[in-house]
Amino acid sequence: MGKKQEESDDEMYVTLDVENGQEECVVITIFEAGGRDYIALLPTESMNTDDGEVYLYRYKEDQNGNPELSDIESDEEFEIVSDRFDEWLDEQEYEQMKDE
């Protein structure tokens, strides 16, 4: 899977090579779950819709600090990762409410 990373106005973007071309995504967060790092991505075309699909991938950096994404390999791993991402979202919502 190819990717390109760019930064713009405090947001990081990643361009994924997908079956039908390329898809630009904004990085939501990088988080740890089950002893590994993962990345949550939101396709830019979904940013202004209510049904924004989030992509979850394994995340690591090579020895030069370049990001590497790989697929989550099992349903069990995906369940752990998606549960942790949901917890992260809840934490963000709580912090936002607390700040208001």
C-alpha atoms as a PDB file:
ATOM      1  CA  MET A   1       0.000   0.000   0.000  1.00  0.00           C
ATOM      2  CA  GLY A   2       1.506   3.308  -1.007  1.00  0.00           C
ATOM      3  CA  LYS A   3       1.238   6.471   1.000  1.00  0.00           C
ATOM      4  CA  LYS A   4       2.427  10.038   0.989  1.00  0.00           C
ATOM      5  CA  GLN A   5       2.320  12.276   4.045  1.00  0.00           C
ATOM      6  CA  GLU A   6       1.877  16.054   4.026  1.00  0.00           C
ATOM      7  CA  GLU A   7       1.273  18.626   6.755  1.00  0.00           C
ATOM      8  CA  SER A   8      -1.015  21.622   6.352  1.00  0.00           C
ATOM      9  CA  ASP A   9      -2.396  23.975   9.015  1.00  0.00           C
ATOM     10  CA  ASP A  10      -1.769  21.602  11.944  1.00  0.00           C
ATOM     11  CA  GLU A  11      -3.428  18.735  10.073  1.00  0.00           C
ATOM     12  CA  MET A  12      -1.480  15.890   8.544  1.00  0.00           C
ATOM     13  CA  TYR A  13      -2.680  14.319   5.318  1.00  0.00           C
ATOM     14  CA  VAL A  14      -1.896  10.903   3.913  1.00  0.00           C
ATOM     15  CA  THR A  15      -2.512   9.847   0.320  1.00  0.00           C
ATOM     16  CA  LEU A  16      -3.357   6.155   0.062  1.00  0.00           C
ATOM     17  CA  ASP A  17      -3.033   4.081  -3.070  1.00  0.00           C
ATOM     18  CA  VAL A  18      -6.342   2.227  -3.339  1.00  0.00           C
ATOM     19  CA  GLU A  19      -7.782  -0.118  -5.964  1.00  0.00           C
ATOM     20  CA  ASN A  20      -9.355   2.657  -8.031  1.00  0.00           C
ATOM     21  CA  GLY A  21      -6.623   5.297  -7.712  1.00  0.00           C
ATOM     22  CA  GLN A  22      -5.602   7.441  -4.794  1.00  0.00           C
ATOM     23  CA  GLU A  23      -7.509   8.716  -1.785  1.00  0.00           C
ATOM     24  CA  GLU A  24      -6.436  11.645   0.364  1.00  0.00           C
ATOM     25  CA  CYS A  25      -7.106  11.289   4.089  1.00  0.00           C
ATOM     26  CA  VAL A  26      -6.606  13.484   7.123  1.00  0.00           C
ATOM     27  CA  VAL A  27      -4.838  11.892  10.099  1.00  0.00           C
ATOM     28  CA  ILE A  28      -7.229  11.852  13.063  1.00  0.00           C
ATOM     29  CA  THR A  29      -4.829  10.326  15.568  1.00  0.00           C
ATOM     30  CA  ILE A  30      -2.095   7.786  16.151  1.00  0.00           C
ATOM     31  CA  PHE A  31      -2.819   5.615  19.173  1.00  0.00           C
ATOM     32  CA  GLU A  32      -1.716   2.445  20.967  1.00  0.00           C
ATOM     33  CA  ALA A  33      -3.850  -0.659  21.347  1.00  0.00           C
ATOM     34  CA  GLY A  34      -2.814  -4.156  22.357  1.00  0.00           C
ATOM     35  CA  GLY A  35       0.888  -3.273  22.380  1.00  0.00           C
ATOM     36  CA  ARG A  36       0.992  -1.849  18.832  1.00  0.00           C
ATOM     37  CA  ASP A  37       0.552   1.583  17.293  1.00  0.00           C
ATOM     38  CA  TYR A  38      -2.345   2.323  14.966  1.00  0.00           C
ATOM     39  CA  ILE A  39      -3.464   5.269  12.878  1.00  0.00           C
ATOM     40  CA  ALA A  40      -7.005   6.518  12.259  1.00  0.00           C
ATOM     41  CA  LEU A  41      -7.618   8.234   8.919  1.00  0.00           C
ATOM     42  CA  LEU A  42     -10.663  10.110   7.599  1.00  0.00           C
ATOM     43  CA  PRO A  43     -11.019  10.427   3.814  1.00  0.00           C
ATOM     44  CA  THR A  44     -11.176  14.135   2.933  1.00  0.00           C
ATOM     45  CA  GLU A  45     -14.260  13.558   0.783  1.00  0.00           C
ATOM     46  CA  SER A  46     -16.086  12.337   3.923  1.00  0.00           C
ATOM     47  CA  MET A  47     -15.026  15.232   6.153  1.00  0.00           C
ATOM     48  CA  ASN A  48     -18.195  17.257   5.629  1.00  0.00           C
ATOM     49  CA  THR A  49     -20.667  14.391   5.836  1.00  0.00           C
ATOM     50  CA  ASP A  50     -22.239  12.735   8.851  1.00  0.00           C
ATOM     51  CA  ASP A  51     -21.372   9.225   7.686  1.00  0.00           C
ATOM     52  CA  GLY A  52     -17.597   9.766   7.633  1.00  0.00           C
ATOM     53  CA  GLU A  53     -15.933   6.380   7.338  1.00  0.00           C
ATOM     54  CA  VAL A  54     -12.722   6.074   9.354  1.00  0.00           C
ATOM     55  CA  TYR A  55      -9.863   3.873   8.174  1.00  0.00           C
ATOM     56  CA  LEU A  56      -7.768   2.086  10.804  1.00  0.00           C
ATOM     57  CA  TYR A  57      -4.289   0.744   9.990  1.00  0.00           C
ATOM     58  CA  ARG A  58      -1.261  -0.541  11.837  1.00  0.00           C
ATOM     59  CA  TYR A  59       1.314   2.233  12.098  1.00  0.00           C
ATOM     60  CA  LYS A  60       5.056   2.216  12.566  1.00  0.00           C
ATOM     61  CA  GLU A  61       8.026   4.272  11.490  1.00  0.00           C
ATOM     62  CA  ASP A  62      11.078   2.860   9.748  1.00  0.00           C
ATOM     63  CA  GLN A  63      14.629   3.599  10.899  1.00  0.00           C
ATOM     64  CA  ASN A  64      14.524   6.916   8.977  1.00  0.00           C
ATOM     65  CA  GLY A  65      11.297   8.041  10.661  1.00  0.00           C
ATOM     66  CA  ASN A  66       9.136   7.450   7.590  1.00  0.00           C
ATOM     67  CA  PRO A  67       5.615   6.207   8.343  1.00  0.00           C
ATOM     68  CA  GLU A  68       4.593   2.705   7.307  1.00  0.00           C
ATOM     69  CA  LEU A  69       0.966   1.568   7.268  1.00  0.00           C
ATOM     70  CA  SER A  70      -0.182  -2.030   7.093  1.00  0.00           C
ATOM     71  CA  ASP A  71      -3.512  -3.788   7.242  1.00  0.00           C
ATOM     72  CA  ILE A  72      -5.044  -5.075  10.456  1.00  0.00           C
ATOM     73  CA  GLU A  73      -4.818  -8.838  10.049  1.00  0.00           C
ATOM     74  CA  SER A  74      -7.726 -10.362  11.971  1.00  0.00           C
ATOM     75  CA  ASP A  75     -11.244  -9.636  13.186  1.00  0.00           C
ATOM     76  CA  GLU A  76     -10.003 -10.002  16.763  1.00  0.00           C
ATOM     77  CA  GLU A  77      -7.277  -7.405  16.237  1.00  0.00           C
ATOM     78  CA  PHE A  78      -9.754  -5.085  14.518  1.00  0.00           C
ATOM     79  CA  GLU A  79     -12.155  -5.395  17.467  1.00  0.00           C
ATOM     80  CA  ILE A  80      -9.397  -4.395  19.924  1.00  0.00           C
ATOM     81  CA  VAL A  81      -8.329  -1.457  17.748  1.00  0.00           C
ATOM     82  CA  SER A  82     -11.845  -0.175  17.049  1.00  0.00           C
ATOM     83  CA  ASP A  83     -12.764  -0.401  20.765  1.00  0.00           C
ATOM     84  CA  ARG A  84      -9.678   1.630  21.685  1.00  0.00           C
ATOM     85  CA  PHE A  85     -10.443   4.191  18.966  1.00  0.00           C
ATOM     86  CA  ASP A  86     -14.009   4.527  20.311  1.00  0.00           C
ATOM     87  CA  GLU A  87     -12.555   5.137  23.791  1.00  0.00           C
ATOM     88  CA  TRP A  88     -10.278   7.811  22.328  1.00  0.00           C
ATOM     89  CA  LEU A  89     -13.279   9.505  20.675  1.00  0.00           C
ATOM     90  CA  ASP A  90     -15.148   9.470  23.989  1.00  0.00           C
ATOM     91  CA  GLU A  91     -12.122  11.046  25.714  1.00  0.00           C
ATOM     92  CA  GLN A  92     -12.000  13.810  23.082  1.00  0.00           C
ATOM     93  CA  GLU A  93     -15.712  14.482  23.464  1.00  0.00           C
ATOM     94  CA  TYR A  94     -15.341  14.665  27.259  1.00  0.00           C
ATOM     95  CA  GLU A  95     -12.404  17.085  26.980  1.00  0.00           C
ATOM     96  CA  GLN A  96     -14.364  19.271  24.558  1.00  0.00           C
ATOM     97  CA  MET A  97     -17.371  19.368  26.921  1.00  0.00           C
ATOM     98  CA  LYS A  98     -15.106  20.160  29.864  1.00  0.00           C
ATOM     99  CA  ASP A  99     -13.529  23.077  28.001  1.00  0.00           C
ATOM    100  CA  GLU A 100     -16.893  24.655  27.123  1.00  0.00           C
END
